[in-house]
Amino acid sequence: MKKSFFREFLTTVLIGCLTLVFVGNFDVVYGATEVTGVIGSDTTWTLENSPYNITGPVLVSNGVTLTIESGVTVNFMDYSYYIQVEGTLVAKGEGVNHIYFNTGKNIWFTKDSVGWN
């Protein structure tokens, strides 16, 4: 009887410790923000709402500014999707908080865009 109790006790302790290890190693995961269509007013993509998944063509309208904060991740969900900038794109990483794009070929600036360099 003592062996059975001791074995159950050790099993319970072991399972409890493993549970703490697994639960303790999970970070908070936020949902992704899906983006497609026309951005018609000044917009900021924040770290709190990152990652931003481009799920179709995106247009930053003339006279509109899209600001992408440091640390944000932008995922183009298909290589045919893009961001076309006719207004202004402000994307400046700071220090170790870079802005991550899963591709660099899908952002297009038109002749009407402002300050693209």
N, C-alpha and C. Protein backbone atom coordinates (compact mmCIF):
# COMPACT_ATOMS: atom_id res chain seq x y z
N MET A 1 0.82 -1.19 0.00
CA MET A 1 0.00 0.00 0.00
C MET A 1 0.86 1.26 0.00
N LYS A 2 1.96 1.25 0.79
CA LYS A 2 2.82 2.42 0.85
C LYS A 2 3.48 2.68 -0.51
N LYS A 3 3.88 1.61 -1.21
CA LYS A 3 4.51 1.78 -2.52
C LYS A 3 3.52 2.40 -3.51
N SER A 4 2.29 1.97 -3.47
CA SER A 4 1.29 2.50 -4.38
C SER A 4 1.04 3.99 -4.11
N PHE A 5 0.92 4.35 -2.84
CA PHE A 5 0.70 5.77 -2.48
C PHE A 5 1.89 6.61 -2.91
N PHE A 6 3.11 6.13 -2.62
CA PHE A 6 4.31 6.85 -2.95
C PHE A 6 4.45 7.02 -4.47
N ARG A 7 4.13 6.00 -5.23
CA ARG A 7 4.19 6.05 -6.69
C ARG A 7 3.18 7.07 -7.22
N GLU A 8 1.96 7.07 -6.70
CA GLU A 8 0.95 8.04 -7.13
C GLU A 8 1.36 9.46 -6.78
N PHE A 9 1.96 9.62 -5.59
CA PHE A 9 2.41 10.95 -5.16
C PHE A 9 3.49 11.47 -6.11
N LEU A 10 4.48 10.64 -6.42
CA LEU A 10 5.56 11.05 -7.33
C LEU A 10 5.02 11.36 -8.74
N THR A 11 4.10 10.55 -9.20
CA THR A 11 3.50 10.78 -10.50
C THR A 11 2.78 12.13 -10.53
N THR A 12 2.03 12.44 -9.48
CA THR A 12 1.31 13.71 -9.40
C THR A 12 2.28 14.88 -9.38
N VAL A 13 3.34 14.78 -8.60
CA VAL A 13 4.34 15.85 -8.53
C VAL A 13 5.01 16.04 -9.89
N LEU A 14 5.38 14.95 -10.54
CA LEU A 14 6.03 15.03 -11.84
C LEU A 14 5.12 15.68 -12.88
N ILE A 15 3.87 15.28 -12.93
CA ILE A 15 2.92 15.88 -13.87
C ILE A 15 2.74 17.36 -13.57
N GLY A 16 2.67 17.71 -12.30
CA GLY A 16 2.53 19.12 -11.92
C GLY A 16 3.72 19.95 -12.36
N CYS A 17 4.93 19.41 -12.17
CA CYS A 17 6.13 20.13 -12.58
C CYS A 17 6.20 20.28 -14.09
N LEU A 18 5.88 19.23 -14.82
CA LEU A 18 5.89 19.32 -16.28
C LEU A 18 4.86 20.32 -16.77
N THR A 19 3.72 20.36 -16.13
CA THR A 19 2.69 21.34 -16.50
C THR A 19 3.21 22.75 -16.31
N LEU A 20 3.88 23.01 -15.19
CA LEU A 20 4.44 24.34 -14.94
C LEU A 20 5.50 24.70 -15.97
N VAL A 21 6.32 23.74 -16.35
CA VAL A 21 7.36 24.01 -17.35
C VAL A 21 6.73 24.37 -18.68
N PHE A 22 5.74 23.60 -19.14
CA PHE A 22 5.12 23.87 -20.43
C PHE A 22 4.32 25.16 -20.41
N VAL A 23 3.54 25.39 -19.38
CA VAL A 23 2.73 26.60 -19.31
C VAL A 23 3.61 27.82 -19.16
N GLY A 24 4.69 27.71 -18.43
CA GLY A 24 5.58 28.84 -18.20
C GLY A 24 6.35 29.27 -19.43
N ASN A 25 6.45 28.41 -20.44
CA ASN A 25 7.23 28.73 -21.62
C ASN A 25 6.40 29.27 -22.78
N PHE A 26 5.13 29.47 -22.59
CA PHE A 26 4.29 30.00 -23.65
C PHE A 26 4.14 31.49 -23.47
N ASP A 27 4.42 32.25 -24.53
CA ASP A 27 4.21 33.69 -24.51
C ASP A 27 2.79 33.98 -24.93
N VAL A 28 2.36 35.21 -24.65
CA VAL A 28 1.03 35.62 -25.09
C VAL A 28 1.06 35.77 -26.59
N VAL A 29 0.11 35.20 -27.28
CA VAL A 29 0.03 35.27 -28.73
C VAL A 29 -1.18 36.12 -29.11
N TYR A 30 -0.93 37.16 -29.85
CA TYR A 30 -2.00 38.03 -30.30
C TYR A 30 -2.45 37.59 -31.69
N GLY A 31 -3.69 37.87 -32.01
CA GLY A 31 -4.20 37.53 -33.33
C GLY A 31 -3.62 38.45 -34.38
N ALA A 32 -3.52 37.94 -35.57
CA ALA A 32 -3.00 38.72 -36.69
C ALA A 32 -4.07 39.68 -37.19
N THR A 33 -3.63 40.76 -37.83
CA THR A 33 -4.53 41.72 -38.45
C THR A 33 -4.46 41.52 -39.96
N GLU A 34 -5.59 41.23 -40.57
CA GLU A 34 -5.62 41.04 -42.02
C GLU A 34 -5.88 42.38 -42.70
N VAL A 35 -5.14 42.63 -43.79
CA VAL A 35 -5.26 43.90 -44.50
C VAL A 35 -5.40 43.64 -45.98
N THR A 36 -6.37 44.30 -46.60
CA THR A 36 -6.54 44.29 -48.04
C THR A 36 -7.38 45.50 -48.41
N GLY A 37 -7.24 45.99 -49.63
CA GLY A 37 -8.07 47.09 -50.09
C GLY A 37 -7.41 48.45 -49.96
N VAL A 38 -8.24 49.49 -49.92
CA VAL A 38 -7.76 50.87 -49.94
C VAL A 38 -7.62 51.40 -48.52
N ILE A 39 -6.47 52.00 -48.24
CA ILE A 39 -6.27 52.74 -46.99
C ILE A 39 -6.54 54.20 -47.35
N GLY A 40 -7.68 54.70 -46.92
CA GLY A 40 -8.15 56.02 -47.35
C GLY A 40 -7.96 57.13 -46.33
N SER A 41 -7.45 56.81 -45.14
CA SER A 41 -7.16 57.83 -44.13
C SER A 41 -5.88 57.45 -43.42
N ASP A 42 -5.23 58.43 -42.79
CA ASP A 42 -3.97 58.17 -42.11
C ASP A 42 -4.14 56.99 -41.15
N THR A 43 -3.20 56.05 -41.23
CA THR A 43 -3.31 54.79 -40.49
C THR A 43 -1.96 54.43 -39.91
N THR A 44 -1.97 53.85 -38.70
CA THR A 44 -0.75 53.36 -38.07
C THR A 44 -0.91 51.88 -37.78
N TRP A 45 0.08 51.12 -38.22
CA TRP A 45 0.13 49.70 -37.90
C TRP A 45 0.99 49.57 -36.66
N THR A 46 0.38 49.10 -35.56
CA THR A 46 1.04 49.06 -34.26
C THR A 46 1.60 47.68 -33.95
N LEU A 47 2.56 47.67 -33.04
CA LEU A 47 3.15 46.42 -32.59
C LEU A 47 2.10 45.54 -31.92
N GLU A 48 1.18 46.15 -31.19
CA GLU A 48 0.14 45.40 -30.48
C GLU A 48 -0.76 44.61 -31.42
N ASN A 49 -0.95 45.10 -32.65
CA ASN A 49 -1.82 44.42 -33.61
C ASN A 49 -1.05 43.62 -34.65
N SER A 50 0.25 43.51 -34.46
CA SER A 50 1.12 42.77 -35.37
C SER A 50 0.98 41.28 -35.10
N PRO A 51 1.15 40.44 -36.10
CA PRO A 51 1.57 40.74 -37.45
C PRO A 51 0.41 41.21 -38.32
N TYR A 52 0.75 41.92 -39.39
CA TYR A 52 -0.22 42.36 -40.39
C TYR A 52 -0.08 41.44 -41.59
N ASN A 53 -1.14 40.74 -41.90
CA ASN A 53 -1.14 39.80 -43.02
C ASN A 53 -1.81 40.45 -44.22
N ILE A 54 -1.05 40.65 -45.28
CA ILE A 54 -1.58 41.23 -46.51
C ILE A 54 -2.29 40.11 -47.25
N THR A 55 -3.62 40.19 -47.32
CA THR A 55 -4.42 39.11 -47.90
C THR A 55 -5.01 39.48 -49.25
N GLY A 56 -4.51 40.56 -49.84
CA GLY A 56 -4.93 41.03 -51.15
C GLY A 56 -4.18 42.32 -51.44
N PRO A 57 -4.33 42.89 -52.62
CA PRO A 57 -3.66 44.15 -52.94
C PRO A 57 -4.09 45.26 -51.98
N VAL A 58 -3.13 46.11 -51.59
CA VAL A 58 -3.39 47.23 -50.68
C VAL A 58 -2.94 48.52 -51.38
N LEU A 59 -3.77 49.55 -51.29
CA LEU A 59 -3.45 50.85 -51.86
C LEU A 59 -3.44 51.89 -50.75
N VAL A 60 -2.32 52.62 -50.61
CA VAL A 60 -2.25 53.78 -49.73
C VAL A 60 -2.57 54.98 -50.61
N SER A 61 -3.75 55.55 -50.42
CA SER A 61 -4.24 56.61 -51.31
C SER A 61 -3.38 57.86 -51.27
N ASN A 62 -3.46 58.63 -52.35
CA ASN A 62 -2.79 59.91 -52.45
C ASN A 62 -3.23 60.80 -51.29
N GLY A 63 -2.27 61.45 -50.61
CA GLY A 63 -2.58 62.33 -49.49
C GLY A 63 -2.72 61.61 -48.16
N VAL A 64 -2.55 60.29 -48.14
CA VAL A 64 -2.71 59.47 -46.94
C VAL A 64 -1.34 58.94 -46.50
N THR A 65 -1.13 58.86 -45.18
CA THR A 65 0.11 58.33 -44.64
C THR A 65 -0.15 57.01 -43.93
N LEU A 66 0.61 55.99 -44.30
CA LEU A 66 0.62 54.72 -43.57
C LEU A 66 1.91 54.71 -42.77
N THR A 67 1.78 54.62 -41.44
CA THR A 67 2.93 54.55 -40.55
C THR A 67 3.02 53.14 -39.99
N ILE A 68 4.20 52.54 -40.08
CA ILE A 68 4.43 51.21 -39.53
C ILE A 68 5.41 51.35 -38.38
N GLU A 69 4.96 50.97 -37.17
CA GLU A 69 5.78 51.12 -35.97
C GLU A 69 6.92 50.10 -35.93
N SER A 70 7.93 50.42 -35.13
CA SER A 70 9.05 49.51 -34.89
C SER A 70 8.54 48.20 -34.31
N GLY A 71 9.15 47.10 -34.77
CA GLY A 71 8.82 45.78 -34.25
C GLY A 71 7.69 45.08 -34.96
N VAL A 72 7.01 45.77 -35.87
CA VAL A 72 5.87 45.19 -36.59
C VAL A 72 6.37 44.20 -37.65
N THR A 73 5.60 43.14 -37.85
CA THR A 73 5.86 42.17 -38.91
C THR A 73 4.76 42.29 -39.96
N VAL A 74 5.16 42.35 -41.24
CA VAL A 74 4.22 42.42 -42.35
C VAL A 74 4.43 41.17 -43.21
N ASN A 75 3.38 40.37 -43.31
CA ASN A 75 3.43 39.13 -44.09
C ASN A 75 2.59 39.27 -45.35
N PHE A 76 3.22 39.08 -46.51
CA PHE A 76 2.47 39.02 -47.76
C PHE A 76 2.05 37.56 -47.91
N MET A 77 0.76 37.30 -47.84
CA MET A 77 0.26 35.93 -47.79
C MET A 77 0.33 35.23 -49.14
N ASP A 78 0.60 35.99 -50.19
CA ASP A 78 0.77 35.43 -51.53
C ASP A 78 1.73 36.38 -52.24
N TYR A 79 2.57 35.85 -53.10
CA TYR A 79 3.54 36.69 -53.80
C TYR A 79 2.90 37.64 -54.80
N SER A 80 1.64 37.44 -55.12
CA SER A 80 0.97 38.36 -56.04
C SER A 80 0.37 39.56 -55.31
N TYR A 81 0.35 39.55 -53.99
CA TYR A 81 -0.19 40.68 -53.21
C TYR A 81 0.89 41.74 -53.03
N TYR A 82 0.46 42.99 -52.88
CA TYR A 82 1.41 44.09 -52.81
C TYR A 82 0.79 45.26 -52.05
N ILE A 83 1.67 46.21 -51.69
CA ILE A 83 1.24 47.51 -51.17
C ILE A 83 1.66 48.53 -52.20
N GLN A 84 0.70 49.26 -52.75
CA GLN A 84 1.00 50.34 -53.69
C GLN A 84 0.82 51.65 -52.95
N VAL A 85 1.88 52.46 -52.93
CA VAL A 85 1.88 53.71 -52.18
C VAL A 85 1.74 54.89 -53.14
N GLU A 86 0.61 55.55 -53.07
CA GLU A 86 0.41 56.80 -53.81
C GLU A 86 0.51 57.99 -52.87
N GLY A 87 0.47 57.71 -51.57
CA GLY A 87 0.61 58.74 -50.54
C GLY A 87 1.99 58.66 -49.93
N THR A 88 2.05 58.40 -48.60
CA THR A 88 3.32 58.36 -47.88
C THR A 88 3.39 57.10 -47.03
N LEU A 89 4.54 56.46 -47.05
CA LEU A 89 4.81 55.32 -46.18
C LEU A 89 5.92 55.71 -45.23
N VAL A 90 5.66 55.62 -43.93
CA VAL A 90 6.67 55.88 -42.91
C VAL A 90 6.90 54.57 -42.17
N ALA A 91 8.10 54.01 -42.34
CA ALA A 91 8.43 52.73 -41.71
C ALA A 91 9.87 52.80 -41.24
N LYS A 92 10.06 53.06 -39.95
CA LYS A 92 11.40 53.21 -39.40
C LYS A 92 11.55 52.30 -38.19
N GLY A 93 12.40 51.28 -38.33
CA GLY A 93 12.73 50.45 -37.19
C GLY A 93 13.68 51.21 -36.28
N GLU A 94 13.66 50.87 -35.00
CA GLU A 94 14.53 51.54 -34.03
C GLU A 94 15.30 50.51 -33.23
N GLY A 95 16.62 50.68 -33.16
CA GLY A 95 17.44 49.78 -32.37
C GLY A 95 17.26 48.34 -32.78
N VAL A 96 16.89 47.50 -31.81
CA VAL A 96 16.69 46.08 -32.10
C VAL A 96 15.27 45.79 -32.57
N ASN A 97 14.41 46.79 -32.57
CA ASN A 97 13.02 46.62 -33.01
C ASN A 97 12.89 46.95 -34.48
N HIS A 98 13.34 46.04 -35.31
CA HIS A 98 13.25 46.21 -36.75
C HIS A 98 11.81 46.02 -37.21
N ILE A 99 11.52 46.45 -38.40
CA ILE A 99 10.25 46.12 -39.06
C ILE A 99 10.56 44.97 -40.01
N TYR A 100 9.77 43.92 -39.91
CA TYR A 100 10.03 42.72 -40.69
C TYR A 100 9.00 42.58 -41.81
N PHE A 101 9.49 42.45 -43.04
CA PHE A 101 8.67 42.15 -44.20
C PHE A 101 9.09 40.77 -44.69
N ASN A 102 8.13 39.89 -44.98
CA ASN A 102 8.53 38.57 -45.44
C ASN A 102 8.93 38.58 -46.91
N THR A 103 8.84 39.71 -47.55
CA THR A 103 9.36 39.90 -48.91
C THR A 103 9.63 41.38 -49.09
N GLY A 104 10.57 41.71 -49.94
CA GLY A 104 10.89 43.13 -50.16
C GLY A 104 10.49 43.63 -51.52
N LYS A 105 9.86 42.80 -52.31
CA LYS A 105 9.58 43.16 -53.69
C LYS A 105 8.13 43.58 -53.91
N ASN A 106 7.34 43.61 -52.87
CA ASN A 106 5.91 43.84 -53.05
C ASN A 106 5.43 45.18 -52.52
N ILE A 107 6.32 46.14 -52.43
CA ILE A 107 5.93 47.50 -52.07
C ILE A 107 6.30 48.38 -53.25
N TRP A 108 5.28 49.00 -53.82
CA TRP A 108 5.48 49.82 -55.02
C TRP A 108 5.15 51.27 -54.70
N PHE A 109 6.00 52.17 -55.16
CA PHE A 109 5.78 53.60 -55.02
C PHE A 109 5.46 54.18 -56.40
N THR A 110 4.40 54.96 -56.47
CA THR A 110 4.06 55.61 -57.74
C THR A 110 4.72 56.97 -57.82
N LYS A 111 4.61 57.61 -58.95
CA LYS A 111 5.20 58.95 -59.12
C LYS A 111 4.52 59.97 -58.20
N ASP A 112 3.32 59.66 -57.72
CA ASP A 112 2.59 60.57 -56.83
C ASP A 112 2.96 60.38 -55.37
N SER A 113 3.71 59.33 -55.05
CA SER A 113 4.05 59.07 -53.64
C SER A 113 4.98 60.16 -53.12
N VAL A 114 4.94 60.34 -51.79
CA VAL A 114 5.71 61.40 -51.15
C VAL A 114 6.79 60.78 -50.27
N GLY A 115 8.02 61.27 -50.42
CA GLY A 115 9.09 60.92 -49.51
C GLY A 115 9.43 59.45 -49.46
N TRP A 116 9.41 58.76 -50.58
CA TRP A 116 9.65 57.33 -50.56
C TRP A 116 11.09 56.97 -50.22
N ASN A 117 12.01 57.93 -50.32
CA ASN A 117 13.39 57.61 -50.02
C ASN A 117 13.77 58.10 -48.64
